[in-house]
N, C-alpha and C. Protein backbone atom coordinates (compact mmCIF):
# COMPACT_ATOMS: atom_id res chain seq x y z
N MET A 1 45.58 151.72 174.92
CA MET A 1 46.82 151.75 174.30
C MET A 1 46.44 150.65 172.64
N SER A 2 46.16 150.78 171.71
CA SER A 2 46.34 150.26 170.88
C SER A 2 47.87 149.70 169.88
N PHE A 3 47.75 148.34 169.21
CA PHE A 3 48.50 148.55 168.72
C PHE A 3 49.55 149.48 167.85
N ALA A 4 48.66 149.80 167.11
CA ALA A 4 49.17 150.82 166.71
C ALA A 4 49.79 152.11 167.03
N ASP A 5 49.66 152.54 168.27
CA ASP A 5 50.63 153.45 168.92
C ASP A 5 51.86 152.43 169.48
N LEU A 6 52.22 151.13 169.30
CA LEU A 6 52.99 151.31 169.85
C LEU A 6 54.45 151.47 169.04
N PRO A 7 55.30 152.09 169.81
CA PRO A 7 56.83 152.47 169.11
C PRO A 7 57.73 151.06 169.17
N VAL A 8 57.73 151.20 167.42
CA VAL A 8 58.22 150.27 166.69
C VAL A 8 59.51 150.52 165.70
N ASP A 9 60.57 149.39 166.36
CA ASP A 9 62.05 149.94 165.73
C ASP A 9 62.00 148.90 164.51
N GLY A 10 61.47 149.17 164.00
CA GLY A 10 61.43 148.14 162.15
C GLY A 10 60.08 147.93 161.72
N THR A 11 60.08 148.37 160.37
CA THR A 11 58.55 148.32 160.04
C THR A 11 58.57 147.09 158.43
N LEU A 12 58.30 146.54 158.12
CA LEU A 12 58.72 145.31 156.91
C LEU A 12 57.07 145.84 156.50
N ASP A 13 57.21 146.26 154.89
CA ASP A 13 55.85 146.27 154.02
C ASP A 13 55.84 145.19 153.13
N ALA A 14 55.07 144.56 153.34
CA ALA A 14 55.22 143.30 152.58
C ALA A 14 54.08 143.18 151.51
N THR A 15 53.11 144.30 151.36
CA THR A 15 52.28 144.32 150.81
C THR A 15 52.23 143.90 149.55
N GLY A 16 51.38 143.13 148.30
CA GLY A 16 51.26 142.91 147.22
C GLY A 16 52.30 141.67 146.91
N LEU A 17 53.01 140.90 148.26
CA LEU A 17 53.93 139.52 148.05
C LEU A 17 53.01 138.93 148.58
N ASN A 18 53.26 137.45 148.17
CA ASN A 18 52.38 136.03 148.43
C ASN A 18 53.62 134.96 149.10
N CYS A 19 53.02 134.20 149.89
CA CYS A 19 53.63 133.36 150.50
C CYS A 19 54.57 132.53 149.53
N PRO A 20 55.69 132.34 149.99
CA PRO A 20 56.21 132.91 151.31
C PRO A 20 57.17 133.62 151.33
N GLU A 21 57.06 134.81 150.06
CA GLU A 21 57.86 135.85 150.31
C GLU A 21 57.71 136.60 151.78
N PRO A 22 56.42 137.06 152.11
CA PRO A 22 56.30 137.62 153.73
C PRO A 22 57.77 137.36 154.47
N VAL A 23 57.14 135.77 154.80
CA VAL A 23 57.59 135.35 155.70
C VAL A 23 59.49 135.46 155.73
N MET A 24 59.80 135.05 153.96
CA MET A 24 60.97 135.06 154.24
C MET A 24 61.63 137.04 154.32
N MET A 25 61.02 137.35 153.80
CA MET A 25 61.32 138.76 154.42
C MET A 25 61.66 139.07 155.62
N LEU A 26 60.23 138.66 156.59
CA LEU A 26 60.68 138.64 158.10
C LEU A 26 61.19 137.95 159.23
N HIS A 27 61.66 136.78 158.05
CA HIS A 27 62.96 136.51 158.89
C HIS A 27 64.16 137.21 158.99
N GLN A 28 64.58 137.60 157.64
CA GLN A 28 65.58 139.04 157.32
C GLN A 28 65.43 139.85 158.14
N HIS A 29 64.40 140.54 158.34
CA HIS A 29 63.93 141.78 159.12
C HIS A 29 64.07 141.24 160.50
N ILE A 30 63.62 140.05 160.89
CA ILE A 30 64.23 140.20 162.42
C ILE A 30 65.44 139.87 162.67
N ARG A 31 66.09 139.44 162.12
CA ARG A 31 67.40 138.80 161.94
C ARG A 31 68.49 140.28 162.32
N ASP A 32 67.89 141.38 161.31
CA ASP A 32 68.41 142.31 161.37
C ASP A 32 68.32 143.44 162.64
N LEU A 33 67.09 143.06 163.83
CA LEU A 33 66.59 143.51 164.74
C LEU A 33 67.80 143.19 165.97
N ALA A 34 67.45 144.47 166.85
CA ALA A 34 68.48 144.18 168.21
C ALA A 34 67.51 143.16 168.92
N PRO A 35 67.41 142.31 169.70
CA PRO A 35 66.85 141.57 170.78
C PRO A 35 66.14 142.50 171.91
N GLY A 36 64.42 142.16 171.70
CA GLY A 36 63.51 142.52 172.25
C GLY A 36 63.07 143.55 171.30
N GLY A 37 63.34 143.94 169.81
CA GLY A 37 63.49 145.37 169.10
C GLY A 37 61.61 144.33 169.01
N LEU A 38 60.66 145.73 168.55
CA LEU A 38 59.05 145.57 168.05
C LEU A 38 59.60 145.88 166.48
N LEU A 39 59.03 144.47 165.75
CA LEU A 39 58.88 144.65 164.24
C LEU A 39 57.49 144.66 163.94
N LYS A 40 57.18 145.84 162.74
CA LYS A 40 55.76 145.96 162.60
C LYS A 40 55.56 145.61 160.81
N VAL A 41 54.53 144.54 160.89
CA VAL A 41 54.72 144.19 159.68
C VAL A 41 53.25 144.24 158.55
N ILE A 42 53.33 144.62 157.63
CA ILE A 42 51.91 144.74 156.68
C ILE A 42 51.95 144.20 155.49
N ALA A 43 50.97 143.42 155.69
CA ALA A 43 50.95 142.31 154.60
C ALA A 43 49.91 142.32 153.73
N THR A 44 49.21 141.48 152.51
CA THR A 44 47.91 141.41 152.22
C THR A 44 47.90 140.32 151.64
N ASP A 45 49.09 139.41 152.38
CA ASP A 45 48.34 137.80 152.12
C ASP A 45 47.89 136.98 153.46
N PRO A 46 45.97 136.91 152.63
CA PRO A 46 45.63 135.99 153.74
C PRO A 46 45.98 134.92 154.58
N SER A 47 47.43 134.26 153.97
CA SER A 47 47.66 133.14 154.52
C SER A 47 49.12 133.87 155.33
N THR A 48 49.34 134.78 155.88
CA THR A 48 50.28 135.40 156.79
C THR A 48 49.63 135.09 158.01
N ARG A 49 47.76 134.90 158.17
CA ARG A 49 47.23 135.11 159.30
C ARG A 49 48.16 133.81 159.93
N ARG A 50 48.21 132.72 159.20
CA ARG A 50 48.40 131.83 159.99
C ARG A 50 50.18 131.23 160.04
N ASP A 51 50.76 131.69 158.66
CA ASP A 51 52.28 131.58 158.95
C ASP A 51 52.75 132.43 159.60
N ILE A 52 52.63 133.81 159.93
CA ILE A 52 53.43 134.48 160.32
C ILE A 52 53.44 134.30 162.19
N PRO A 53 52.25 133.99 162.59
CA PRO A 53 51.73 133.43 164.11
C PRO A 53 52.54 131.88 164.67
N LYS A 54 53.12 131.32 163.15
CA LYS A 54 53.56 129.94 163.74
C LYS A 54 54.70 129.93 163.28
N PHE A 55 55.47 131.15 162.96
CA PHE A 55 57.01 132.04 162.64
C PHE A 55 57.03 132.21 163.88
N CYS A 56 56.21 132.87 165.07
CA CYS A 56 56.70 133.55 166.17
C CYS A 56 56.88 132.75 167.19
N VAL A 57 56.24 131.15 166.97
CA VAL A 57 55.74 130.05 168.14
C VAL A 57 57.51 129.45 167.60
N PHE A 58 57.50 129.08 166.30
CA PHE A 58 58.45 128.05 166.14
C PHE A 58 60.13 128.51 166.54
N LEU A 59 60.28 129.95 166.17
CA LEU A 59 61.68 130.99 166.15
C LEU A 59 61.49 131.98 167.95
N ASP A 60 60.54 131.73 168.83
CA ASP A 60 60.31 131.96 170.08
C ASP A 60 59.99 133.26 169.97
N HIS A 61 59.83 134.11 168.94
CA HIS A 61 59.20 135.24 168.90
C HIS A 61 58.31 135.76 169.44
N GLU A 62 58.01 136.92 169.58
CA GLU A 62 56.46 136.97 170.61
C GLU A 62 55.05 137.76 169.41
N LEU A 63 54.19 136.84 168.95
CA LEU A 63 53.67 137.94 168.41
C LEU A 63 52.62 139.18 169.49
N VAL A 64 53.15 140.42 169.44
CA VAL A 64 52.46 141.29 170.74
C VAL A 64 50.72 141.45 170.08
N GLY A 65 50.76 141.57 168.70
CA GLY A 65 49.16 141.89 168.25
C GLY A 65 49.48 141.72 166.82
N GLN A 66 48.09 141.50 166.29
CA GLN A 66 47.31 141.48 165.18
C GLN A 66 46.36 141.49 164.72
N GLN A 67 46.22 142.74 163.53
CA GLN A 67 44.61 143.37 163.44
C GLN A 67 44.58 142.90 162.27
N GLU A 68 43.30 143.08 161.39
CA GLU A 68 42.96 143.39 160.13
C GLU A 68 42.61 144.47 159.64
N GLU A 69 43.01 145.42 158.73
CA GLU A 69 41.98 146.64 158.32
C GLU A 69 42.06 146.57 156.68
N ALA A 70 40.61 146.10 156.80
CA ALA A 70 40.46 146.05 155.01
C ALA A 70 41.14 145.24 153.95
N GLY A 71 41.37 144.15 154.21
CA GLY A 71 42.42 142.91 153.43
C GLY A 71 43.45 143.44 153.77
N THR A 72 43.93 144.47 154.65
CA THR A 72 45.44 144.56 155.05
C THR A 72 46.07 143.96 156.73
N TYR A 73 46.87 143.13 156.39
CA TYR A 73 47.10 142.73 157.54
C TYR A 73 48.04 142.87 158.48
N LEU A 74 48.07 143.57 159.74
CA LEU A 74 48.99 144.13 160.59
C LEU A 74 49.45 142.98 162.01
N TYR A 75 50.95 143.05 162.05
CA TYR A 75 51.27 142.66 162.78
C TYR A 75 52.50 143.02 163.55
N TRP A 76 52.51 142.75 164.96
CA TRP A 76 53.75 143.70 165.61
C TRP A 76 54.21 141.97 166.54
N ILE A 77 55.09 142.11 166.32
CA ILE A 77 56.48 140.78 166.61
C ILE A 77 57.60 141.39 167.43
N ARG A 78 58.03 140.92 168.08
CA ARG A 78 59.03 141.42 169.74
C ARG A 78 59.97 140.38 169.26
N LYS A 79 61.04 140.58 168.96
CA LYS A 79 62.04 139.47 168.84
C LYS A 79 62.45 138.94 170.01
N LYS A 80 62.96 137.56 170.03
CA LYS A 80 63.06 137.06 171.27
C LYS A 80 64.35 137.82 171.97
N GLN A 81 64.61 137.61 173.44
CA GLN A 81 65.66 138.49 173.56
C GLN A 81 66.86 136.90 173.69
N ASP A 82 68.30 137.30 173.60
CA ASP A 82 69.28 136.06 173.25
C ASP A 82 70.00 135.40 174.48
């Protein structure tokens, strides 16, 4: 099963946005998600390859998967259980 087949609880489309906007938006979206919920993030800023994994480690969320498709970066993030 690929990451693309995972059922998600929300999607954040940050295409066209540059650092720090994708992570700022991610912070808001993850806050609105239920604990254990899965958020898919779509971004075009290459710095998200560094910023999003760091965000997950720092705030104890699980980076379930990430992949790159033709300049688009996809992330699947599971919100930590409270």
